[in-house]
């Protein structure tokens, strides 16, 4: 029988750990000399091998999770404190070293595992030809996805030969250089197209976390928008083109010349996802929406009629409007565990609800108020992010306008106003700066005096009140304390929280719903489409074939096409469309688009990387972090709401923080690896 005589270069580039006895991986079978034929002619072993290839998508490769996994989920929008405050300071000031939180090893182990599967699955005749093609496409997807995760974090990385390398070769012969950024993107793009050919449009409920055709094409669009972005597509006159990011031979790994065609390709790739067929001659994906209701129940307020803009307000959802939907619940339910994966029409790819110990549900426990909710008050929102949310009518929030137009004695909701519901979502004692904001604000921001539903409190052995108004003033139990568990900005996070959620335990069970990870949502694809089209010069036009060559797109800066990307997102959010002048001005729309991504994708692992691909991080991440003055008591409530610099949340940005460092261990293993600019070598 054929034995495993080849050892993939991933062993050299990866951190090798002894495999668990219940996991199939090439290390284990290399050690006991079990033949590949034994593995890939056995149906159960073959399935286990593929499952193990998926397994490295956990840990530091998760995209939405708490800080123990996804520390890069915390940019200039949200922060973490509690017992992890020192870790936050280290991360935000860039004072960590080259050994810090690496996903490199796990990614290359996953790549190796998937590559062996692709090369050997065809020998298993216990599967049909169609089943083998699907499984091979899954492995191809996951391999390319590991490369995508590596590229986004570390920049250009080595692309390993699919056929592997002979493990008996000299040590020096097993080294391999980093490929260029464009080469990495081209590999990911081509592999995702190949995977898409054999991946189905939909999955059965018991396989819903496995990739579909849409997942492959969406990941392809992601890679292409990054390739088109300033990080790898510098415009003429750009003072920093990362010419010092080079391979072992001194070749620059980043593009040095601007290429507009990259934007057109990214737009066409997003269009491929948008055009995927669905039921009844419709499209495969759409944004989730919830019908409006006049019935108010605990944790589920009646629909607040969206702003009457004369456009969205005159149409139903099916007609392209928001007159019959509840924007607040439509957005909230996407993240808080209300929807199973198969029920969510905008979820394109996800690791599901079982993300391991440090899951989104665990993150929610750290978001929740300490008293009554049993949480930690450890995860909060910056003032910058809080202020980013639009007003009810779609205009940008302006604090000075609020102060100028609201008299001092009338800046807090009165008891009468609270009982009358004068300000939707606001109860007595709330600062009116939080009044009349867009629906996503109330679904995402745990502002001072907001209501936490905590419906499961009533099911505890010692029942506690539900629908509790929580203030973060000093000395009231949820504000500043002598412990670590208080919100440094006085602003919390409500996104991902379900009305039932409470961290108070009954026996050994916590009452926090499992959450589906939103790794890739259709809203992101729509925003990619609008962003890419906006960057094309007026008069430029490109004919680009669809992913499978069955159609061709005429790609140009067309306002009507840009609206196809941005209008559904704005509509579902319950805010009006942009004005025509805002669409017409490329620079203005670019700012609007970035603002929209900041709001729509908050807390989903995008902001950190967006700021880097746009090259906005030097400004945005160097700004001091502001928040409420959390040291103020309720007696000084007006002073509490006067934004101040939060000294306990320092931040800084240096050029080396564009890309994650490569560990000294990896540099020792592979002598042809080069370090990212600003980081050190092992000698």
Foldseek 3Di string as FASTA:
>chain_A
DDWPQFDFLLVLQADDDDDDPQADAPVVCNVVRDHPCVQQQDPVSLVRLLVNLVPLCFALNPQFFDCRRPVLLDFQWKFFWFVCLVVLQCVFAVVDAQVPRDSRRSLSRSLRSLLSSLVRNVVHPVDDPLVSLLSNLLSLLSNLVSLLSCCLFFNFAFDTDSVGGRPPDDLQVSFTKTAALVVSLVSLLVSLLSSLVSFALADDLVCRQGAGSLLSLLSNLVSLLLCLFCQQAPAPPPPCNQQVCAFLVSHRRGHPHHDLVSLLVSLLSLVLSQQDADPPRHHQADQFWAFFACDQDQQRGGADQADPPVPLCVDPVVRLHPVGTRLLCSQQCQWQQVDASVRGRFQRHFNGLPSDDRGVLVVVLQQDFCPPQVGQLTMFTFPVNLQLFAFRQRHHQDVVVVPVPADPVGQFQDQVCQVVCVFPQAHGGDGCSPGRTFSLSLSWKLAAQGWQQQVLQCVAPPRDDGRDGHGQAPPPRAHDDPRTRHHLQRMTTNRNHGSNAGQDDHPPDHGGRRTIQRQDTSLVSLLSNLLSQLPFDPPDWDWAAHSVNPGIDTGHNDLVRSCSSPSSLCRSRSYDDDDPVCSVDSVSVNVVSVSSCSRSCNSSNPPSSVCLSNVVCQPSQADFTKHFNRNHHSVPVVNRHPIDGRVSSHRHDDPQSSHRWNHLSSCVSHVRYDTGPPHDHPD
